[in-house]
């Protein structure tokens, strides 16, 4: 089972679509532990809660 996952928001993906993806993963037991951005990309490090 995966313990960590990196979610990437691409240039053409809307912020609301990206937020929905993060929220869906959160509902499935993942927790956002870090957020960073580079140019027009955003990355969220997710950790599975036990």
PDB file of N, CA and C in Angstrom:
ATOM      1  N   UNK A   1       0.845  -1.178   0.000  1.00  0.00           N
ATOM      2  CA  UNK A   1       0.000   0.000   0.000  1.00  0.00           C
ATOM      3  C   UNK A   1       0.894   1.246   0.000  1.00  0.00           C
ATOM      4  N   UNK A   2       0.529   2.221  -0.808  1.00  0.00           N
ATOM      5  CA  UNK A   2       1.275   3.471  -0.874  1.00  0.00           C
ATOM      6  C   UNK A   2       1.087   4.272   0.412  1.00  0.00           C
ATOM      7  N   UNK A   3       2.161   4.909   0.867  1.00  0.00           N
ATOM      8  CA  UNK A   3       2.057   5.779   2.033  1.00  0.00           C
ATOM      9  C   UNK A   3       2.073   7.248   1.611  1.00  0.00           C
ATOM     10  N   UNK A   4       2.771   7.566   0.512  1.00  0.00           N
ATOM     11  CA  UNK A   4       2.858   8.943   0.029  1.00  0.00           C
ATOM     12  C   UNK A   4       2.459   9.011  -1.435  1.00  0.00           C
ATOM     13  N   UNK A   5       1.953  10.171  -1.836  1.00  0.00           N
ATOM     14  CA  UNK A   5       1.539  10.390  -3.212  1.00  0.00           C
ATOM     15  C   UNK A   5       1.771  11.866  -3.532  1.00  0.00           C
ATOM     16  N   UNK A   6       2.274  12.157  -4.731  1.00  0.00           N
ATOM     17  CA  UNK A   6       2.448  13.537  -5.177  1.00  0.00           C
ATOM     18  C   UNK A   6       1.413  13.824  -6.249  1.00  0.00           C
ATOM     19  N   UNK A   7       0.615  14.854  -6.018  1.00  0.00           N
ATOM     20  CA  UNK A   7      -0.423  15.271  -6.949  1.00  0.00           C
ATOM     21  C   UNK A   7       0.069  16.532  -7.647  1.00  0.00           C
ATOM     22  N   UNK A   8      -0.046  16.576  -8.968  1.00  0.00           N
ATOM     23  CA  UNK A   8       0.454  17.703  -9.759  1.00  0.00           C
ATOM     24  C   UNK A   8      -0.687  18.390 -10.490  1.00  0.00           C
ATOM     25  N   UNK A   9      -0.717  19.728 -10.411  1.00  0.00           N
ATOM     26  CA  UNK A   9      -1.662  20.512 -11.194  1.00  0.00           C
ATOM     27  C   UNK A   9      -0.903  21.047 -12.390  1.00  0.00           C
ATOM     28  N   UNK A  10      -1.351  20.702 -13.562  1.00  0.00           N
ATOM     29  CA  UNK A  10      -0.708  21.134 -14.787  1.00  0.00           C
ATOM     30  C   UNK A  10      -1.131  22.534 -15.200  1.00  0.00           C
ATOM     31  N   UNK A  11      -0.523  23.025 -16.246  1.00  0.00           N
ATOM     32  CA  UNK A  11      -0.768  24.370 -16.760  1.00  0.00           C
ATOM     33  C   UNK A  11      -2.227  24.559 -17.170  1.00  0.00           C
ATOM     34  N   UNK A  12      -2.801  23.570 -17.808  1.00  0.00           N
ATOM     35  CA  UNK A  12      -4.142  23.711 -18.375  1.00  0.00           C
ATOM     36  C   UNK A  12      -5.247  23.176 -17.479  1.00  0.00           C
ATOM     37  N   UNK A  13      -4.913  22.636 -16.314  1.00  0.00           N
ATOM     38  CA  UNK A  13      -5.919  22.134 -15.379  1.00  0.00           C
ATOM     39  C   UNK A  13      -6.426  23.301 -14.525  1.00  0.00           C
ATOM     40  N   UNK A  14      -7.724  23.396 -14.356  1.00  0.00           N
ATOM     41  CA  UNK A  14      -8.282  24.487 -13.551  1.00  0.00           C
ATOM     42  C   UNK A  14      -8.006  24.242 -12.068  1.00  0.00           C
ATOM     43  N   UNK A  15      -7.962  25.333 -11.307  1.00  0.00           N
ATOM     44  CA  UNK A  15      -7.728  25.236  -9.870  1.00  0.00           C
ATOM     45  C   UNK A  15      -8.859  24.461  -9.206  1.00  0.00           C
ATOM     46  N   UNK A  16     -10.091  24.706  -9.626  1.00  0.00           N
ATOM     47  CA  UNK A  16     -11.228  24.011  -9.014  1.00  0.00           C
ATOM     48  C   UNK A  16     -11.163  22.513  -9.278  1.00  0.00           C
ATOM     49  N   UNK A  17     -10.740  22.105 -10.452  1.00  0.00           N
ATOM     50  CA  UNK A  17     -10.578  20.689 -10.766  1.00  0.00           C
ATOM     51  C   UNK A  17      -9.487  20.064  -9.901  1.00  0.00           C
ATOM     52  N   UNK A  18      -8.394  20.794  -9.726  1.00  0.00           N
ATOM     53  CA  UNK A  18      -7.294  20.313  -8.890  1.00  0.00           C
ATOM     54  C   UNK A  18      -7.731  20.191  -7.430  1.00  0.00           C
ATOM     55  N   UNK A  19      -8.460  21.191  -6.924  1.00  0.00           N
ATOM     56  CA  UNK A  19      -8.969  21.141  -5.555  1.00  0.00           C
ATOM     57  C   UNK A  19      -9.911  19.959  -5.366  1.00  0.00           C
ATOM     58  N   UNK A  20     -10.738  19.699  -6.355  1.00  0.00           N
ATOM     59  CA  UNK A  20     -11.667  18.568  -6.281  1.00  0.00           C
ATOM     60  C   UNK A  20     -10.902  17.249  -6.173  1.00  0.00           C
ATOM     61  N   UNK A  21      -9.820  17.126  -6.944  1.00  0.00           N
ATOM     62  CA  UNK A  21      -9.003  15.915  -6.890  1.00  0.00           C
ATOM     63  C   UNK A  21      -8.383  15.726  -5.504  1.00  0.00           C
ATOM     64  N   UNK A  22      -7.847  16.818  -4.936  1.00  0.00           N
ATOM     65  CA  UNK A  22      -7.247  16.750  -3.598  1.00  0.00           C
ATOM     66  C   UNK A  22      -8.312  16.410  -2.554  1.00  0.00           C
ATOM     67  N   UNK A  23      -9.481  17.029  -2.658  1.00  0.00           N
ATOM     68  CA  UNK A  23     -10.569  16.749  -1.711  1.00  0.00           C
ATOM     69  C   UNK A  23     -11.057  15.308  -1.809  1.00  0.00           C
ATOM     70  N   UNK A  24     -11.119  14.775  -3.020  1.00  0.00           N
ATOM     71  CA  UNK A  24     -11.526  13.377  -3.202  1.00  0.00           C
ATOM     72  C   UNK A  24     -10.528  12.438  -2.533  1.00  0.00           C
ATOM     73  N   UNK A  25      -9.244  12.710  -2.722  1.00  0.00           N
ATOM     74  CA  UNK A  25      -8.226  11.885  -2.071  1.00  0.00           C
ATOM     75  C   UNK A  25      -8.304  12.013  -0.548  1.00  0.00           C
ATOM     76  N   UNK A  26      -8.589  13.209  -0.057  1.00  0.00           N
ATOM     77  CA  UNK A  26      -8.731  13.421   1.389  1.00  0.00           C
ATOM     78  C   UNK A  26      -9.880  12.593   1.955  1.00  0.00           C
ATOM     79  N   UNK A  27     -10.961  12.519   1.222  1.00  0.00           N
ATOM     80  CA  UNK A  27     -12.108  11.716   1.655  1.00  0.00           C
ATOM     81  C   UNK A  27     -11.779  10.230   1.661  1.00  0.00           C
ATOM     82  N   UNK A  28     -10.774   9.832   0.850  1.00  0.00           N
ATOM     83  CA  UNK A  28     -10.360   8.430   0.787  1.00  0.00           C
ATOM     84  C   UNK A  28      -9.244   8.096   1.779  1.00  0.00           C
ATOM     85  N   UNK A  29      -8.937   9.015   2.709  1.00  0.00           N
ATOM     86  CA  UNK A  29      -7.958   8.725   3.742  1.00  0.00           C
ATOM     87  C   UNK A  29      -6.587   9.336   3.537  1.00  0.00           C
ATOM     88  N   UNK A  30      -6.425  10.187   2.548  1.00  0.00           N
ATOM     89  CA  UNK A  30      -5.153  10.868   2.311  1.00  0.00           C
ATOM     90  C   UNK A  30      -5.184  12.235   2.982  1.00  0.00           C
ATOM     91  N   UNK A  31      -4.014  12.693   3.438  1.00  0.00           N
ATOM     92  CA  UNK A  31      -3.888  13.990   4.103  1.00  0.00           C
ATOM     93  C   UNK A  31      -2.829  14.808   3.376  1.00  0.00           C
ATOM     94  N   UNK A  32      -3.157  16.050   3.008  1.00  0.00           N
ATOM     95  CA  UNK A  32      -2.188  16.938   2.366  1.00  0.00           C
ATOM     96  C   UNK A  32      -1.205  17.410   3.435  1.00  0.00           C
ATOM     97  N   UNK A  33       0.103  17.185   3.203  1.00  0.00           N
ATOM     98  CA  UNK A  33       1.093  17.591   4.195  1.00  0.00           C
ATOM     99  C   UNK A  33       2.037  18.674   3.684  1.00  0.00           C
ATOM    100  N   UNK A  34       2.044  18.917   2.376  1.00  0.00           N
ATOM    101  CA  UNK A  34       2.917  19.948   1.832  1.00  0.00           C
ATOM    102  C   UNK A  34       2.374  20.420   0.487  1.00  0.00           C
ATOM    103  N   UNK A  35       2.596  21.703   0.201  1.00  0.00           N
ATOM    104  CA  UNK A  35       2.184  22.299  -1.061  1.00  0.00           C
ATOM    105  C   UNK A  35       3.319  23.177  -1.557  1.00  0.00           C
ATOM    106  N   UNK A  36       3.628  23.070  -2.834  1.00  0.00           N
ATOM    107  CA  UNK A  36       4.638  23.931  -3.441  1.00  0.00           C
ATOM    108  C   UNK A  36       4.217  24.249  -4.865  1.00  0.00           C
ATOM    109  N   UNK A  37       4.806  25.293  -5.414  1.00  0.00           N
ATOM    110  CA  UNK A  37       4.500  25.647  -6.798  1.00  0.00           C
ATOM    111  C   UNK A  37       5.783  26.005  -7.526  1.00  0.00           C
ATOM    112  N   UNK A  38       5.765  25.782  -8.832  1.00  0.00           N
ATOM    113  CA  UNK A  38       6.897  26.067  -9.695  1.00  0.00           C
ATOM    114  C   UNK A  38       6.330  26.548 -11.019  1.00  0.00           C
ATOM    115  N   UNK A  39       6.581  27.814 -11.356  1.00  0.00           N
ATOM    116  CA  UNK A  39       5.995  28.434 -12.542  1.00  0.00           C
ATOM    117  C   UNK A  39       4.477  28.299 -12.472  1.00  0.00           C
ATOM    118  N   UNK A  40       3.860  27.604 -13.381  1.00  0.00           N
ATOM    119  CA  UNK A  40       2.405  27.464 -13.363  1.00  0.00           C
ATOM    120  C   UNK A  40       1.967  26.066 -12.933  1.00  0.00           C
ATOM    121  N   UNK A  41       2.845  25.321 -12.270  1.00  0.00           N
ATOM    122  CA  UNK A  41       2.509  23.999 -11.751  1.00  0.00           C
ATOM    123  C   UNK A  41       2.389  24.071 -10.230  1.00  0.00           C
ATOM    124  N   UNK A  42       1.486  23.272  -9.682  1.00  0.00           N
ATOM    125  CA  UNK A  42       1.357  23.145  -8.234  1.00  0.00           C
ATOM    126  C   UNK A  42       1.513  21.672  -7.887  1.00  0.00           C
ATOM    127  N   UNK A  43       2.145  21.404  -6.758  1.00  0.00           N
ATOM    128  CA  UNK A  43       2.356  20.039  -6.293  1.00  0.00           C
ATOM    129  C   UNK A  43       1.880  19.930  -4.855  1.00  0.00           C
ATOM    130  N   UNK A  44       1.181  18.848  -4.552  1.00  0.00           N
ATOM    131  CA  UNK A  44       0.739  18.574  -3.193  1.00  0.00           C
ATOM    132  C   UNK A  44       1.272  17.201  -2.815  1.00  0.00           C
ATOM    133  N   UNK A  45       1.954  17.142  -1.673  1.00  0.00           N
ATOM    134  CA  UNK A  45       2.420  15.866  -1.133  1.00  0.00           C
ATOM    135  C   UNK A  45       1.342  15.357  -0.207  1.00  0.00           C
ATOM    136  N   UNK A  46       0.835  14.176  -0.504  1.00  0.00           N
ATOM    137  CA  UNK A  46      -0.238  13.564   0.276  1.00  0.00           C
ATOM    138  C   UNK A  46       0.328  12.363   1.034  1.00  0.00           C
ATOM    139  N   UNK A  47      -0.177  12.157   2.247  1.00  0.00           N
ATOM    140  CA  UNK A  47       0.217  11.015   3.072  1.00  0.00           C
ATOM    141  C   UNK A  47      -1.043  10.257   3.457  1.00  0.00           C
ATOM    142  N   UNK A  48      -0.962   8.926   3.370  1.00  0.00           N
ATOM    143  CA  UNK A  48      -2.112   8.107   3.758  1.00  0.00           C
ATOM    144  C   UNK A  48      -2.144   7.988   5.283  1.00  0.00           C
ATOM    145  N   UNK A  49      -3.292   8.348   5.852  1.00  0.00           N
ATOM    146  CA  UNK A  49      -3.474   8.209   7.297  1.00  0.00           C
ATOM    147  C   UNK A  49      -3.793   6.752   7.607  1.00  0.00           C
ATOM    148  N   UNK A  50      -3.333   6.308   8.722  1.00  0.00           N
ATOM    149  CA  UNK A  50      -3.573   4.903   9.107  1.00  0.00           C
ATOM    150  C   UNK A  50      -4.618   4.808  10.170  1.00  0.00           C
TER     151      UNK A  50
END
